[in-house]
Amino acid sequence: MSGFTLIEVLVSLTILGVLAALAVPSFSESIKSQRVKAIKDDLIASLELARVEAIRRGVSVGLVREPTSASCVVDLTSDDKWSCGWKLVVDADANGAISDAEQAVVANVLQTTTVPAGFDLSHPNLGKQIVFGIWGQAVVTGQNFVISNTQDGSSGASTLKVCLGGAGKIRTVKVGVACS
């Protein structure tokens, strides 16, 4: 007779279970890291679109922090927190800033992006919006965003910083590395 005995099958399943238990933690870290990278990619795409639209339209275009809503209940008492996402909005009155009234007009909103629950996005010390002038340059230079997993905080292994240089160059660095 050929085949496996019950003991051989149980030993094989036990070994398989131990190996699976060892693989799960590294897999969850990989998922966190990939989600942070996806948020980074969405943010960079929006920053580049804002620059292009400002040049194309000949008017300022900005990224504006989304407020809290029924679908995003995050403490946004600090202007630095962007954890509910952002909108890409045209500066219809051409004053170099995006007002609440401009955000309310649907035709002015070019794009809306949300940040998944469990992740943080902050714009340290630079407030609720980033505006690009008619030549595609950021009105305030040296800006950066920090993307992290809520559980790990801003010093977690998967945390990334998106830096926007004076000439409009966008680059990504690990947290703790200077943008300049």
N, C-alpha and C. Protein backbone atom coordinates (compact mmCIF):
# COMPACT_ATOMS: atom_id res chain seq x y z
N MET A 1 0.83 -1.18 0.00
CA MET A 1 0.00 0.00 0.00
C MET A 1 0.88 1.25 0.00
N SER A 2 0.45 2.22 -0.76
CA SER A 2 1.18 3.48 -0.76
C SER A 2 0.27 4.57 -0.21
N GLY A 3 0.88 5.69 0.21
CA GLY A 3 0.11 6.79 0.77
C GLY A 3 0.77 7.33 2.02
N PHE A 4 0.06 8.19 2.71
CA PHE A 4 0.58 8.81 3.91
C PHE A 4 -0.19 8.33 5.12
N THR A 5 0.51 8.24 6.22
CA THR A 5 -0.17 7.88 7.46
C THR A 5 -0.74 9.14 8.07
N LEU A 6 -1.64 8.97 8.99
CA LEU A 6 -2.27 10.10 9.68
C LEU A 6 -1.23 10.95 10.40
N ILE A 7 -0.25 10.33 11.00
CA ILE A 7 0.80 11.06 11.72
C ILE A 7 1.63 11.89 10.76
N GLU A 8 1.96 11.36 9.60
CA GLU A 8 2.73 12.12 8.60
C GLU A 8 1.94 13.35 8.13
N VAL A 9 0.67 13.19 7.91
CA VAL A 9 -0.17 14.31 7.47
C VAL A 9 -0.25 15.37 8.57
N LEU A 10 -0.43 14.96 9.82
CA LEU A 10 -0.51 15.92 10.93
C LEU A 10 0.80 16.67 11.13
N VAL A 11 1.92 15.98 11.02
CA VAL A 11 3.22 16.64 11.14
C VAL A 11 3.41 17.64 10.01
N SER A 12 3.03 17.28 8.79
CA SER A 12 3.15 18.18 7.64
C SER A 12 2.28 19.41 7.83
N LEU A 13 1.05 19.23 8.31
CA LEU A 13 0.16 20.37 8.54
C LEU A 13 0.67 21.27 9.66
N THR A 14 1.27 20.69 10.69
CA THR A 14 1.84 21.49 11.77
C THR A 14 2.99 22.34 11.26
N ILE A 15 3.87 21.77 10.48
CA ILE A 15 5.00 22.53 9.90
C ILE A 15 4.47 23.64 8.99
N LEU A 16 3.48 23.33 8.17
CA LEU A 16 2.89 24.32 7.28
C LEU A 16 2.26 25.47 8.10
N GLY A 17 1.59 25.14 9.20
CA GLY A 17 0.99 26.16 10.06
C GLY A 17 2.02 27.07 10.69
N VAL A 18 3.13 26.50 11.14
CA VAL A 18 4.21 27.31 11.73
C VAL A 18 4.80 28.24 10.69
N LEU A 19 5.06 27.75 9.49
CA LEU A 19 5.61 28.59 8.42
C LEU A 19 4.63 29.72 8.04
N ALA A 20 3.34 29.40 7.98
CA ALA A 20 2.34 30.43 7.66
C ALA A 20 2.29 31.50 8.75
N ALA A 21 2.38 31.09 10.01
CA ALA A 21 2.36 32.05 11.12
C ALA A 21 3.57 32.98 11.08
N LEU A 22 4.70 32.48 10.61
CA LEU A 22 5.89 33.31 10.49
C LEU A 22 5.79 34.29 9.33
N ALA A 23 5.06 33.92 8.28
CA ALA A 23 4.97 34.77 7.08
C ALA A 23 3.97 35.90 7.23
N VAL A 24 2.94 35.75 8.06
CA VAL A 24 1.87 36.73 8.16
C VAL A 24 2.36 38.12 8.61
N PRO A 25 3.19 38.25 9.65
CA PRO A 25 3.62 39.61 10.04
C PRO A 25 4.36 40.36 8.94
N SER A 26 5.23 39.69 8.21
CA SER A 26 5.97 40.39 7.15
C SER A 26 5.03 40.75 6.01
N PHE A 27 4.01 39.95 5.78
CA PHE A 27 3.05 40.25 4.73
C PHE A 27 2.23 41.48 5.09
N SER A 28 1.83 41.63 6.35
CA SER A 28 1.05 42.80 6.76
C SER A 28 1.89 44.09 6.66
N GLU A 29 3.17 44.00 6.96
CA GLU A 29 4.06 45.17 6.79
C GLU A 29 4.17 45.55 5.31
N SER A 30 4.20 44.56 4.46
CA SER A 30 4.27 44.80 3.03
C SER A 30 3.00 45.50 2.54
N ILE A 31 1.86 45.09 3.06
CA ILE A 31 0.59 45.72 2.68
C ILE A 31 0.57 47.19 3.12
N LYS A 32 1.00 47.46 4.36
CA LYS A 32 1.06 48.84 4.87
C LYS A 32 1.95 49.69 3.97
N SER A 33 3.12 49.16 3.65
CA SER A 33 4.08 49.88 2.82
C SER A 33 3.50 50.18 1.43
N GLN A 34 2.81 49.22 0.84
CA GLN A 34 2.23 49.43 -0.49
C GLN A 34 1.10 50.45 -0.45
N ARG A 35 0.33 50.48 0.62
CA ARG A 35 -0.74 51.48 0.74
C ARG A 35 -0.17 52.89 0.90
N VAL A 36 0.90 53.02 1.67
CA VAL A 36 1.56 54.32 1.80
C VAL A 36 2.09 54.77 0.43
N LYS A 37 2.67 53.85 -0.31
CA LYS A 37 3.18 54.19 -1.65
C LYS A 37 2.05 54.58 -2.60
N ALA A 38 0.89 53.94 -2.47
CA ALA A 38 -0.26 54.30 -3.31
C ALA A 38 -0.75 55.72 -3.00
N ILE A 39 -0.79 56.08 -1.72
CA ILE A 39 -1.18 57.45 -1.33
C ILE A 39 -0.16 58.44 -1.89
N LYS A 40 1.13 58.08 -1.79
CA LYS A 40 2.19 58.94 -2.33
C LYS A 40 2.01 59.15 -3.82
N ASP A 41 1.72 58.08 -4.55
CA ASP A 41 1.54 58.18 -6.00
C ASP A 41 0.34 59.07 -6.34
N ASP A 42 -0.77 58.93 -5.58
CA ASP A 42 -1.94 59.78 -5.80
C ASP A 42 -1.61 61.24 -5.54
N LEU A 43 -0.85 61.50 -4.47
CA LEU A 43 -0.49 62.88 -4.12
C LEU A 43 0.40 63.50 -5.20
N ILE A 44 1.40 62.76 -5.64
CA ILE A 44 2.30 63.28 -6.68
C ILE A 44 1.53 63.54 -7.97
N ALA A 45 0.63 62.63 -8.34
CA ALA A 45 -0.17 62.83 -9.55
C ALA A 45 -1.02 64.10 -9.43
N SER A 46 -1.59 64.35 -8.26
CA SER A 46 -2.40 65.55 -8.05
C SER A 46 -1.55 66.82 -8.09
N LEU A 47 -0.36 66.77 -7.49
CA LEU A 47 0.54 67.94 -7.54
C LEU A 47 0.94 68.25 -8.98
N GLU A 48 1.25 67.22 -9.75
CA GLU A 48 1.64 67.44 -11.15
C GLU A 48 0.46 67.94 -11.97
N LEU A 49 -0.73 67.40 -11.72
CA LEU A 49 -1.93 67.87 -12.43
C LEU A 49 -2.22 69.32 -12.09
N ALA A 50 -2.05 69.71 -10.83
CA ALA A 50 -2.27 71.11 -10.44
C ALA A 50 -1.33 72.04 -11.21
N ARG A 51 -0.07 71.65 -11.33
CA ARG A 51 0.90 72.47 -12.07
C ARG A 51 0.49 72.61 -13.53
N VAL A 52 0.14 71.49 -14.16
CA VAL A 52 -0.23 71.50 -15.57
C VAL A 52 -1.49 72.33 -15.80
N GLU A 53 -2.49 72.16 -14.94
CA GLU A 53 -3.74 72.90 -15.09
C GLU A 53 -3.54 74.40 -14.87
N ALA A 54 -2.67 74.77 -13.95
CA ALA A 54 -2.39 76.20 -13.73
C ALA A 54 -1.78 76.82 -14.98
N ILE A 55 -0.85 76.13 -15.60
CA ILE A 55 -0.23 76.63 -16.84
C ILE A 55 -1.26 76.66 -17.97
N ARG A 56 -2.00 75.57 -18.13
CA ARG A 56 -2.96 75.45 -19.23
C ARG A 56 -4.08 76.49 -19.13
N ARG A 57 -4.57 76.73 -17.93
CA ARG A 57 -5.70 77.64 -17.74
C ARG A 57 -5.27 79.10 -17.56
N GLY A 58 -3.99 79.32 -17.23
CA GLY A 58 -3.52 80.69 -17.00
C GLY A 58 -4.06 81.30 -15.72
N VAL A 59 -4.39 80.45 -14.75
CA VAL A 59 -4.91 80.90 -13.46
C VAL A 59 -4.39 79.93 -12.40
N SER A 60 -4.27 80.40 -11.17
CA SER A 60 -3.77 79.54 -10.10
C SER A 60 -4.70 78.35 -9.88
N VAL A 61 -4.07 77.22 -9.53
CA VAL A 61 -4.80 76.00 -9.19
C VAL A 61 -4.17 75.47 -7.91
N GLY A 62 -4.98 74.96 -7.00
CA GLY A 62 -4.42 74.50 -5.75
C GLY A 62 -4.98 73.18 -5.27
N LEU A 63 -4.20 72.54 -4.41
CA LEU A 63 -4.67 71.38 -3.66
C LEU A 63 -5.16 71.91 -2.32
N VAL A 64 -6.36 71.53 -1.94
CA VAL A 64 -6.97 72.01 -0.71
C VAL A 64 -7.36 70.80 0.13
N ARG A 65 -7.08 70.87 1.41
CA ARG A 65 -7.41 69.79 2.33
C ARG A 65 -8.92 69.58 2.39
N GLU A 66 -9.34 68.32 2.36
CA GLU A 66 -10.76 67.97 2.54
C GLU A 66 -11.12 68.08 4.01
N PRO A 67 -12.28 68.62 4.32
CA PRO A 67 -12.71 68.67 5.73
C PRO A 67 -13.24 67.31 6.19
N THR A 68 -13.50 67.19 7.47
CA THR A 68 -14.11 65.96 7.98
C THR A 68 -15.52 65.82 7.41
N SER A 69 -15.97 64.59 7.33
CA SER A 69 -17.31 64.31 6.80
C SER A 69 -17.83 63.04 7.45
N ALA A 70 -19.00 62.60 7.03
CA ALA A 70 -19.57 61.37 7.58
C ALA A 70 -18.67 60.17 7.26
N SER A 71 -17.99 60.21 6.11
CA SER A 71 -17.12 59.10 5.72
C SER A 71 -15.69 59.23 6.25
N CYS A 72 -15.35 60.39 6.80
CA CYS A 72 -14.00 60.60 7.33
C CYS A 72 -14.09 61.35 8.64
N VAL A 73 -14.00 60.62 9.72
CA VAL A 73 -14.07 61.23 11.05
C VAL A 73 -12.67 61.21 11.64
N VAL A 74 -11.91 62.25 11.36
CA VAL A 74 -10.53 62.39 11.82
C VAL A 74 -10.42 63.73 12.51
N ASP A 75 -9.61 63.82 13.55
CA ASP A 75 -9.39 65.08 14.24
C ASP A 75 -8.53 65.99 13.36
N LEU A 76 -9.15 67.00 12.78
CA LEU A 76 -8.43 67.94 11.91
C LEU A 76 -8.29 69.31 12.56
N THR A 77 -8.11 69.33 13.89
CA THR A 77 -7.98 70.61 14.58
C THR A 77 -6.71 71.34 14.15
N SER A 78 -5.71 70.60 13.72
CA SER A 78 -4.49 71.21 13.21
C SER A 78 -4.63 71.41 11.71
N ASP A 79 -4.21 72.56 11.21
CA ASP A 79 -4.24 72.82 9.76
C ASP A 79 -3.30 71.89 9.00
N ASP A 80 -2.35 71.27 9.71
CA ASP A 80 -1.37 70.40 9.07
C ASP A 80 -1.96 69.06 8.62
N LYS A 81 -3.04 68.61 9.24
CA LYS A 81 -3.62 67.29 8.96
C LYS A 81 -4.42 67.29 7.67
N TRP A 82 -4.10 66.35 6.78
CA TRP A 82 -4.81 66.18 5.51
C TRP A 82 -5.36 64.76 5.40
N SER A 83 -5.65 64.11 6.50
CA SER A 83 -5.97 62.69 6.52
C SER A 83 -7.33 62.33 5.91
N CYS A 84 -8.17 63.30 5.59
CA CYS A 84 -9.42 63.01 4.89
C CYS A 84 -9.26 63.09 3.37
N GLY A 85 -8.12 63.61 2.92
CA GLY A 85 -7.88 63.71 1.48
C GLY A 85 -7.74 65.16 1.03
N TRP A 86 -7.88 65.37 -0.28
CA TRP A 86 -7.71 66.71 -0.84
C TRP A 86 -8.53 66.87 -2.10
N LYS A 87 -8.72 68.15 -2.47
CA LYS A 87 -9.41 68.51 -3.71
C LYS A 87 -8.45 69.35 -4.55
N LEU A 88 -8.57 69.22 -5.84
CA LEU A 88 -7.84 70.06 -6.78
C LEU A 88 -8.83 71.12 -7.26
N VAL A 89 -8.55 72.40 -6.95
CA VAL A 89 -9.53 73.47 -7.16
C VAL A 89 -8.91 74.62 -7.94
N VAL A 90 -9.69 75.17 -8.88
CA VAL A 90 -9.27 76.32 -9.68
C VAL A 90 -9.52 77.59 -8.88
N ASP A 91 -8.55 78.51 -8.92
CA ASP A 91 -8.68 79.82 -8.27
C ASP A 91 -9.45 80.74 -9.21
N ALA A 92 -10.78 80.62 -9.18
CA ALA A 92 -11.63 81.31 -10.15
C ALA A 92 -11.51 82.83 -10.09
N ASP A 93 -11.29 83.39 -8.90
CA ASP A 93 -11.19 84.85 -8.80
C ASP A 93 -9.76 85.35 -8.97
N ALA A 94 -8.82 84.44 -9.24
CA ALA A 94 -7.42 84.78 -9.55
C ALA A 94 -6.74 85.63 -8.49
N ASN A 95 -7.03 85.36 -7.21
CA ASN A 95 -6.38 86.13 -6.14
C ASN A 95 -5.20 85.39 -5.51
N GLY A 96 -4.87 84.20 -6.02
CA GLY A 96 -3.72 83.45 -5.51
C GLY A 96 -4.00 82.56 -4.32
N ALA A 97 -5.27 82.47 -3.92
CA ALA A 97 -5.66 81.60 -2.81
C ALA A 97 -7.01 80.96 -3.15
N ILE A 98 -7.24 79.79 -2.60
CA ILE A 98 -8.49 79.08 -2.85
C ILE A 98 -9.43 79.34 -1.67
N SER A 99 -10.54 80.00 -1.93
CA SER A 99 -11.50 80.32 -0.86
C SER A 99 -12.52 79.20 -0.70
N ASP A 100 -13.26 79.25 0.41
CA ASP A 100 -14.33 78.28 0.65
C ASP A 100 -15.40 78.39 -0.44
N ALA A 101 -15.66 79.62 -0.89
CA ALA A 101 -16.68 79.83 -1.93
C ALA A 101 -16.24 79.16 -3.24
N GLU A 102 -14.96 79.25 -3.58
CA GLU A 102 -14.47 78.61 -4.80
C GLU A 102 -14.55 77.10 -4.71
N GLN A 103 -14.31 76.56 -3.52
CA GLN A 103 -14.40 75.11 -3.31
C GLN A 103 -15.83 74.61 -3.44
N ALA A 104 -16.80 75.47 -3.12
CA ALA A 104 -18.21 75.08 -3.15
C ALA A 104 -18.76 74.97 -4.57
N VAL A 105 -18.12 75.64 -5.53
CA VAL A 105 -18.58 75.60 -6.92
C VAL A 105 -18.04 74.33 -7.58
N VAL A 106 -18.94 73.43 -7.96
CA VAL A 106 -18.55 72.14 -8.50
C VAL A 106 -17.65 72.28 -9.74
N ALA A 107 -17.90 73.28 -10.58
CA ALA A 107 -17.11 73.47 -11.80
C ALA A 107 -15.65 73.82 -11.49
N ASN A 108 -15.39 74.36 -10.31
CA ASN A 108 -14.01 74.70 -9.93
C ASN A 108 -13.22 73.49 -9.44
N VAL A 109 -13.91 72.44 -9.01
CA VAL A 109 -13.24 71.26 -8.45
C VAL A 109 -12.91 70.30 -9.59
N LEU A 110 -11.60 70.12 -9.82
CA LEU A 110 -11.14 69.27 -10.92
C LEU A 110 -10.98 67.81 -10.51
N GLN A 111 -10.69 67.59 -9.23
CA GLN A 111 -10.40 66.23 -8.77
C GLN A 111 -10.60 66.18 -7.26
N THR A 112 -11.05 65.04 -6.75
CA THR A 112 -11.15 64.81 -5.32
C THR A 112 -10.49 63.47 -5.02
N THR A 113 -9.63 63.45 -4.01
CA THR A 113 -8.91 62.23 -3.63
C THR A 113 -9.07 62.02 -2.13
N THR A 114 -9.35 60.79 -1.74
CA THR A 114 -9.48 60.48 -0.32
C THR A 114 -8.28 59.65 0.15
N VAL A 115 -8.00 59.76 1.43
CA VAL A 115 -6.95 58.96 2.06
C VAL A 115 -7.65 57.81 2.78
N PRO A 116 -7.22 56.57 2.56
CA PRO A 116 -7.87 55.43 3.22
C PRO A 116 -7.80 55.54 4.74
N ALA A 117 -8.81 55.00 5.39
CA ALA A 117 -8.83 54.97 6.86
C ALA A 117 -7.61 54.21 7.36
N GLY A 118 -7.03 54.68 8.45
CA GLY A 118 -5.86 54.02 9.02
C GLY A 118 -4.55 54.60 8.55
N PHE A 119 -4.62 55.67 7.74
CA PHE A 119 -3.39 56.31 7.24
C PHE A 119 -3.48 57.81 7.48
N ASP A 120 -2.33 58.43 7.75
CA ASP A 120 -2.26 59.86 8.00
C ASP A 120 -1.48 60.55 6.90
N LEU A 121 -1.94 61.75 6.57
CA LEU A 121 -1.23 62.62 5.64
C LEU A 121 -1.15 63.98 6.31
N SER A 122 0.06 64.52 6.42
CA SER A 122 0.20 65.85 7.01
C SER A 122 1.04 66.74 6.11
N HIS A 123 0.82 68.03 6.25
CA HIS A 123 1.49 69.08 5.48
C HIS A 123 2.10 70.01 6.53
N PRO A 124 3.23 69.58 7.15
CA PRO A 124 3.74 70.25 8.34
C PRO A 124 4.00 71.75 8.20
N ASN A 125 3.38 72.51 9.09
CA ASN A 125 3.57 73.95 9.23
C ASN A 125 3.21 74.76 7.99
N LEU A 126 2.45 74.17 7.06
CA LEU A 126 2.16 74.89 5.82
C LEU A 126 0.67 75.02 5.51
N GLY A 127 -0.18 74.51 6.38
CA GLY A 127 -1.60 74.80 6.28
C GLY A 127 -2.46 73.93 5.40
N LYS A 128 -3.63 74.49 5.07
CA LYS A 128 -4.71 73.74 4.43
C LYS A 128 -4.64 73.70 2.91
N GLN A 129 -3.72 74.41 2.29
CA GLN A 129 -3.68 74.39 0.83
C GLN A 129 -2.28 74.65 0.29
N ILE A 130 -2.07 74.19 -0.94
CA ILE A 130 -0.85 74.47 -1.67
C ILE A 130 -1.30 74.96 -3.04
N VAL A 131 -0.85 76.15 -3.43
CA VAL A 131 -1.32 76.80 -4.65
C VAL A 131 -0.18 76.91 -5.66
N PHE A 132 -0.50 76.61 -6.92
CA PHE A 132 0.45 76.75 -8.02
C PHE A 132 0.03 77.93 -8.87
N GLY A 133 0.99 78.84 -9.14
CA GLY A 133 0.72 80.03 -9.94
C GLY A 133 0.61 79.72 -11.42
N ILE A 134 0.36 80.74 -12.21
CA ILE A 134 0.11 80.56 -13.64
C ILE A 134 1.31 80.01 -14.41
N TRP A 135 2.50 80.06 -13.83
CA TRP A 135 3.69 79.49 -14.48
C TRP A 135 3.99 78.09 -13.97
N GLY A 136 3.11 77.55 -13.11
CA GLY A 136 3.26 76.18 -12.63
C GLY A 136 4.14 76.02 -11.40
N GLN A 137 4.59 77.12 -10.84
CA GLN A 137 5.43 77.04 -9.64
C GLN A 137 4.57 77.16 -8.39
N ALA A 138 4.99 76.49 -7.32
CA ALA A 138 4.27 76.61 -6.05
C ALA A 138 4.46 78.02 -5.51
N VAL A 139 3.38 78.62 -5.01
CA VAL A 139 3.44 79.98 -4.49
C VAL A 139 4.37 80.03 -3.28
N VAL A 140 4.32 79.01 -2.42
CA VAL A 140 5.23 78.90 -1.28
C VAL A 140 6.14 77.71 -1.55
N THR A 141 7.45 77.93 -1.56
CA THR A 141 8.39 76.86 -1.89
C THR A 141 8.83 76.09 -0.64
N GLY A 142 9.46 74.96 -0.87
CA GLY A 142 9.99 74.15 0.22
C GLY A 142 8.93 73.38 0.99
N GLN A 143 7.85 73.00 0.31
CA GLN A 143 6.76 72.32 0.99
C GLN A 143 6.99 70.81 1.02
N ASN A 144 6.42 70.15 2.02
CA ASN A 144 6.51 68.70 2.07
C ASN A 144 5.27 68.12 2.73
N PHE A 145 5.03 66.86 2.42
CA PHE A 145 3.93 66.09 3.00
C PHE A 145 4.52 64.85 3.64
N VAL A 146 3.95 64.40 4.74
CA VAL A 146 4.38 63.18 5.42
C VAL A 146 3.21 62.20 5.39
N ILE A 147 3.47 60.99 4.88
CA ILE A 147 2.44 59.96 4.76
C ILE A 147 2.84 58.81 5.67
N SER A 148 1.92 58.38 6.54
CA SER A 148 2.25 57.30 7.47
C SER A 148 1.03 56.45 7.78
N ASN A 149 1.30 55.30 8.36
CA ASN A 149 0.27 54.42 8.87
C ASN A 149 -0.10 54.93 10.26
N THR A 150 -1.38 55.03 10.56
CA THR A 150 -1.83 55.58 11.85
C THR A 150 -1.25 54.82 13.03
N GLN A 151 -1.18 53.48 12.95
CA GLN A 151 -0.68 52.68 14.06
C GLN A 151 0.80 52.93 14.31
N ASP A 152 1.59 53.09 13.25
CA ASP A 152 3.03 53.24 13.38
C ASP A 152 3.45 54.67 13.71
N GLY A 153 2.62 55.65 13.37
CA GLY A 153 2.97 57.04 13.58
C GLY A 153 3.96 57.54 12.53
N SER A 154 4.40 58.77 12.69
CA SER A 154 5.25 59.39 11.68
C SER A 154 6.68 58.86 11.66
N SER A 155 7.03 57.98 12.61
CA SER A 155 8.38 57.41 12.60
C SER A 155 8.38 55.94 12.20
N GLY A 156 7.26 55.45 11.66
CA GLY A 156 7.15 54.06 11.26
C GLY A 156 8.02 53.72 10.06
N ALA A 157 8.26 52.44 9.87
CA ALA A 157 9.13 51.97 8.80
C ALA A 157 8.59 52.30 7.41
N SER A 158 7.26 52.36 7.27
CA SER A 158 6.69 52.62 5.94
C SER A 158 6.43 54.11 5.68
N THR A 159 6.75 54.97 6.63
CA THR A 159 6.49 56.40 6.49
C THR A 159 7.35 57.02 5.39
N LEU A 160 6.71 57.86 4.57
CA LEU A 160 7.41 58.54 3.48
C LEU A 160 7.16 60.04 3.55
N LYS A 161 8.10 60.80 3.00
CA LYS A 161 7.95 62.25 2.90
C LYS A 161 8.02 62.63 1.42
N VAL A 162 7.05 63.40 0.96
CA VAL A 162 7.03 63.90 -0.41
C VAL A 162 7.48 65.36 -0.35
N CYS A 163 8.57 65.67 -1.05
CA CYS A 163 9.16 67.01 -1.00
C CYS A 163 8.91 67.74 -2.32
N LEU A 164 8.53 69.00 -2.23
CA LEU A 164 8.33 69.84 -3.40
C LEU A 164 9.36 70.95 -3.35
N GLY A 165 10.31 70.90 -4.26
CA GLY A 165 11.39 71.88 -4.29
C GLY A 165 10.96 73.19 -4.93
N GLY A 166 11.83 74.18 -4.82
CA GLY A 166 11.54 75.51 -5.35
C GLY A 166 11.28 75.54 -6.84
N ALA A 167 11.96 74.71 -7.60
CA ALA A 167 11.77 74.67 -9.05
C ALA A 167 10.63 73.75 -9.45
N GLY A 168 9.94 73.20 -8.47
CA GLY A 168 8.81 72.33 -8.75
C GLY A 168 9.17 70.86 -8.81
N LYS A 169 10.43 70.52 -8.56
CA LYS A 169 10.82 69.12 -8.58
C LYS A 169 10.20 68.41 -7.39
N ILE A 170 9.60 67.25 -7.65
CA ILE A 170 8.97 66.47 -6.59
C ILE A 170 9.82 65.22 -6.36
N ARG A 171 10.15 64.97 -5.10
CA ARG A 171 10.90 63.76 -4.80
C ARG A 171 10.38 63.16 -3.50
N THR A 172 10.67 61.88 -3.34
CA THR A 172 10.22 61.15 -2.16
C THR A 172 11.42 60.70 -1.37
N VAL A 173 11.37 60.90 -0.05
CA VAL A 173 12.46 60.46 0.83
C VAL A 173 11.85 59.78 2.05
N LYS A 174 12.66 59.01 2.74
CA LYS A 174 12.22 58.42 4.00
C LYS A 174 12.13 59.53 5.05
N VAL A 175 11.27 59.34 6.02
CA VAL A 175 11.14 60.33 7.07
C VAL A 175 12.46 60.44 7.81
N GLY A 176 12.85 61.64 8.22
CA GLY A 176 14.13 61.85 8.88
C GLY A 176 15.20 62.37 7.93
N VAL A 177 14.96 62.23 6.62
CA VAL A 177 15.89 62.75 5.61
C VAL A 177 15.41 64.13 5.20
N ALA A 178 16.32 65.08 5.12
CA ALA A 178 15.96 66.45 4.76
C ALA A 178 15.50 66.53 3.30
N CYS A 179 14.58 67.41 3.04
CA CYS A 179 14.06 67.58 1.67
C CYS A 179 15.05 68.30 0.75
N SER A 180 15.86 69.16 1.29
CA SER A 180 16.74 69.98 0.44
C SER A 180 17.85 69.24 -0.21
